[in-house]
C-alpha cells in the first residue's frame, strides 16, 4: 500500500497556529496547486479526530464519497450527508493492514499527529509539501520530533504565481 501526504505549511514549517487555526493558508489565494489531481489518485483518507473536527467546521465536505478514516477512541461528530466516514483505533501498521485487506491501495494521511505517527512507523512513501508565503512564528510543526533522520529523494518543485512553492519527495 502507498501512503502519501499532501500538506500546506507556512514557510517556517508550521501546519497550524498553536490554537489549531489555519487562517494563514489563505495567503496562498485560490490558485489551484494540484490537490484535485493528487486526490484523484487516492482511495481513502486517514486523519486524526482534531483534523476531522477542523474539516467539519469549514462547512463543506471536500472528499466526495471517498472513505475517510478518523483515528479516534472517542465518538465522532456526525459527518455530512453522503460522506463515508469510519472511526478506527490502532497503530498505524494496524490501520494500514485493515485498509489493505479491504482493497485500498493508496491512502492520503492528513493531520499533524497522524502524519507524524505514520512517518515514524515508516508508512509514508510520498510527500507533497506546499509552502505558503507567510511566517507565523510559532505553531504546530509538520513533522515534530523524529526518532531518526528520514532521507528524501526530490521529485519536483513547482512555483505558483501567488508565491506558493511546492516540493515533492519520495522517502528514500
Protein backbone atom coordinates (compact mmCIF):
# COMPACT_ATOMS: atom_id res chain seq x y z
CA UNK A 1 0.00 0.00 0.00
CA UNK A 2 1.18 3.52 -0.79
CA UNK A 3 0.67 6.27 1.79
CA UNK A 4 1.03 9.92 0.81
CA UNK A 5 0.97 13.31 2.48
CA UNK A 6 -0.24 16.45 0.65
CA UNK A 7 0.02 19.32 3.07
CA UNK A 8 0.13 23.10 3.20
CA UNK A 9 2.50 24.70 5.65
CA UNK A 10 3.76 28.16 6.46
CA UNK A 11 7.23 28.97 5.15
CA UNK A 12 8.57 28.38 8.67
CA UNK A 13 7.21 24.81 8.69
CA UNK A 14 4.07 25.04 10.80
CA UNK A 15 0.87 23.36 9.63
CA UNK A 16 -1.35 25.31 12.01
CA UNK A 17 -1.19 28.04 14.61
CA UNK A 18 -0.73 26.95 18.23
CA UNK A 19 -4.54 27.05 18.68
CA UNK A 20 -5.05 24.95 15.53
CA UNK A 21 -6.15 27.85 13.31
CA UNK A 22 -5.37 27.58 9.60
CA UNK A 23 -6.19 31.15 8.55
CA UNK A 24 -2.66 31.75 7.21
CA UNK A 25 -3.32 29.23 4.41
CA UNK A 26 -5.44 31.95 2.76
CA UNK A 27 -2.15 33.70 1.89
CA UNK A 28 -1.87 31.24 -0.98
CA UNK A 29 -5.04 32.50 -2.59
CA UNK A 30 -7.41 30.37 -4.64
CA UNK A 31 -4.83 29.31 -7.22
CA UNK A 32 -5.04 25.58 -7.99
CA UNK A 33 -1.90 23.75 -6.93
CA UNK A 34 -2.52 20.14 -7.87
CA UNK A 35 -4.64 18.91 -4.99
CA UNK A 36 -7.51 17.76 -7.21
CA UNK A 37 -5.14 15.78 -9.44
CA UNK A 38 -3.44 14.23 -6.41
CA UNK A 39 -6.76 13.46 -4.74
CA UNK A 40 -7.99 11.61 -7.83
CA UNK A 41 -5.21 9.03 -7.21
CA UNK A 42 -6.27 8.38 -3.60
CA UNK A 43 -8.53 5.51 -2.49
CA UNK A 44 -9.08 6.61 1.12
CA UNK A 45 -8.02 9.23 3.66
CA UNK A 46 -6.75 8.70 7.19
CA UNK A 47 -6.88 11.63 9.60
CA UNK A 48 -7.00 12.30 13.31
CA UNK A 49 -10.08 13.42 15.20
CA UNK A 50 -8.86 17.02 15.59
CA UNK A 51 -8.30 17.34 11.85
CA UNK A 52 -11.75 15.84 11.22
CA UNK A 53 -13.36 18.40 13.54
CA UNK A 54 -11.50 21.25 11.78
CA UNK A 55 -12.66 19.97 8.39
CA UNK A 56 -16.27 19.77 9.61
CA UNK A 57 -16.05 23.39 10.80
CA UNK A 58 -15.11 24.51 7.26
CA UNK A 59 -18.73 23.85 6.33
CA UNK A 60 -18.01 21.98 3.11
CA UNK A 61 -17.05 18.35 2.50
CA UNK A 62 -14.12 18.15 0.12
CA UNK A 63 -13.77 14.38 -0.04
CA UNK A 64 -16.85 13.33 -2.01
CA UNK A 65 -17.72 9.70 -1.46
CA UNK A 66 -14.18 8.52 -0.71
CA UNK A 67 -13.72 6.72 2.56
CA UNK A 68 -12.43 8.96 5.36
CA UNK A 69 -11.00 7.03 8.30
CA UNK A 70 -10.84 9.06 11.50
CA UNK A 71 -8.44 7.78 14.14
CA UNK A 72 -10.11 8.16 17.50
CA UNK A 73 -11.15 6.14 20.51
CA UNK A 74 -13.99 8.62 21.12
CA UNK A 75 -17.30 9.05 19.34
CA UNK A 76 -17.18 11.38 16.34
CA UNK A 77 -19.34 14.30 15.38
CA UNK A 78 -21.82 13.29 12.70
CA UNK A 79 -20.44 13.55 9.15
CA UNK A 80 -22.26 15.48 6.43
CA UNK A 81 -24.93 13.66 4.43
CA UNK A 82 -23.37 11.37 1.85
CA UNK A 83 -19.92 11.33 3.46
CA UNK A 84 -18.29 7.94 4.08
CA UNK A 85 -16.65 8.24 7.49
CA UNK A 86 -15.43 5.42 9.72
CA UNK A 87 -13.84 5.63 13.13
CA UNK A 88 -10.86 3.35 13.76
CA UNK A 89 -8.32 2.94 16.52
CA UNK A 90 -4.99 1.18 16.46
CA UNK A 91 -1.40 1.61 15.43
CA UNK A 92 -0.57 2.98 12.00
CA UNK A 93 0.51 -0.53 10.93
CA UNK A 94 -2.82 -1.98 12.05
CA UNK A 95 -4.78 0.71 10.23
CA UNK A 96 -2.80 0.17 7.01
CA UNK A 97 -3.29 -3.60 7.27
CA UNK A 98 -7.05 -3.20 7.76
CA UNK A 99 -7.35 -0.89 4.76
CA UNK A 100 -5.12 -3.06 2.56
CA UNK A 101 -7.26 -6.11 3.42
CA UNK A 102 -10.27 -4.15 2.13
CA UNK A 103 -8.52 -3.47 -1.19
CA UNK A 104 -7.36 0.10 -0.63
CA UNK A 105 -4.03 0.76 -2.37
CA UNK A 106 -3.29 4.48 -1.93
CA UNK A 107 -4.14 6.36 1.23
CA UNK A 108 -3.78 10.05 1.94
CA UNK A 109 -2.64 10.73 5.51
CA UNK A 110 -3.65 14.11 6.95
CA UNK A 111 -3.29 15.90 10.26
CA UNK A 112 -0.15 16.75 12.19
CA UNK A 113 -0.06 13.98 14.78
CA UNK A 114 -1.33 11.38 12.33
CA UNK A 115 1.33 12.29 9.76
CA UNK A 116 3.99 12.13 12.48
CA UNK A 117 2.82 8.68 13.68
CA UNK A 118 2.70 7.21 10.16
CA UNK A 119 6.09 8.72 9.30
CA UNK A 120 7.69 7.29 12.47
CA UNK A 121 6.19 3.89 11.60
CA UNK A 122 7.83 4.05 8.15
CA UNK A 123 4.49 4.02 6.34
CA UNK A 124 4.71 7.26 4.35
CA UNK A 125 6.26 6.88 0.89
CA UNK A 126 5.34 10.17 -0.80
CA UNK A 127 5.33 13.77 0.46
CA UNK A 128 3.96 16.86 -1.28
CA UNK A 129 4.61 19.93 0.84
CA UNK A 130 3.24 23.29 -0.24
CA UNK A 131 4.85 26.26 1.48
CA UNK A 132 2.54 29.24 1.88
CA UNK A 133 4.34 32.62 1.70
CA UNK A 134 3.82 33.69 5.30
CA UNK A 135 5.81 33.34 8.52
CA UNK A 136 3.57 32.68 11.51
CA UNK A 137 6.40 32.46 14.04
CA UNK A 138 5.04 29.61 16.15
CA UNK A 139 2.55 26.84 15.81
CA UNK A 140 2.13 23.12 15.34
CA UNK A 141 5.11 21.70 13.42
CA UNK A 142 4.52 19.44 10.45
CA UNK A 143 6.94 16.73 11.48
CA UNK A 144 7.62 17.29 15.18
CA UNK A 145 10.45 15.32 16.70
CA UNK A 146 11.63 12.31 14.74
CA UNK A 147 13.45 9.30 16.16
CA UNK A 148 15.89 9.30 13.26
CA UNK A 149 16.66 11.09 10.02
CA UNK A 150 14.27 10.40 7.15
CA UNK A 151 16.17 10.62 3.86
CA UNK A 152 14.18 12.09 0.98
CA UNK A 153 14.61 11.94 -2.77
CA UNK A 154 13.50 15.11 -4.54
CA UNK A 155 10.95 14.55 -7.33
CA UNK A 156 9.94 18.08 -8.33
CA UNK A 157 9.49 21.65 -7.16
CA UNK A 158 6.80 23.92 -8.53
CA UNK A 159 6.35 27.65 -8.02
CA UNK A 160 2.98 29.37 -8.32
CA UNK A 161 2.08 32.98 -9.13
CA UNK A 162 0.65 33.53 -5.62
CA UNK A 163 4.05 32.71 -4.11
CA UNK A 164 3.26 29.12 -3.14
CA UNK A 165 6.25 26.81 -3.53
CA UNK A 166 5.53 23.10 -3.64
CA UNK A 167 8.14 20.39 -3.24
CA UNK A 168 7.50 16.73 -3.89
CA UNK A 169 9.60 13.93 -2.40
CA UNK A 170 9.65 10.17 -2.03
CA UNK A 171 11.09 8.57 1.06
CA UNK A 172 14.49 7.19 0.02
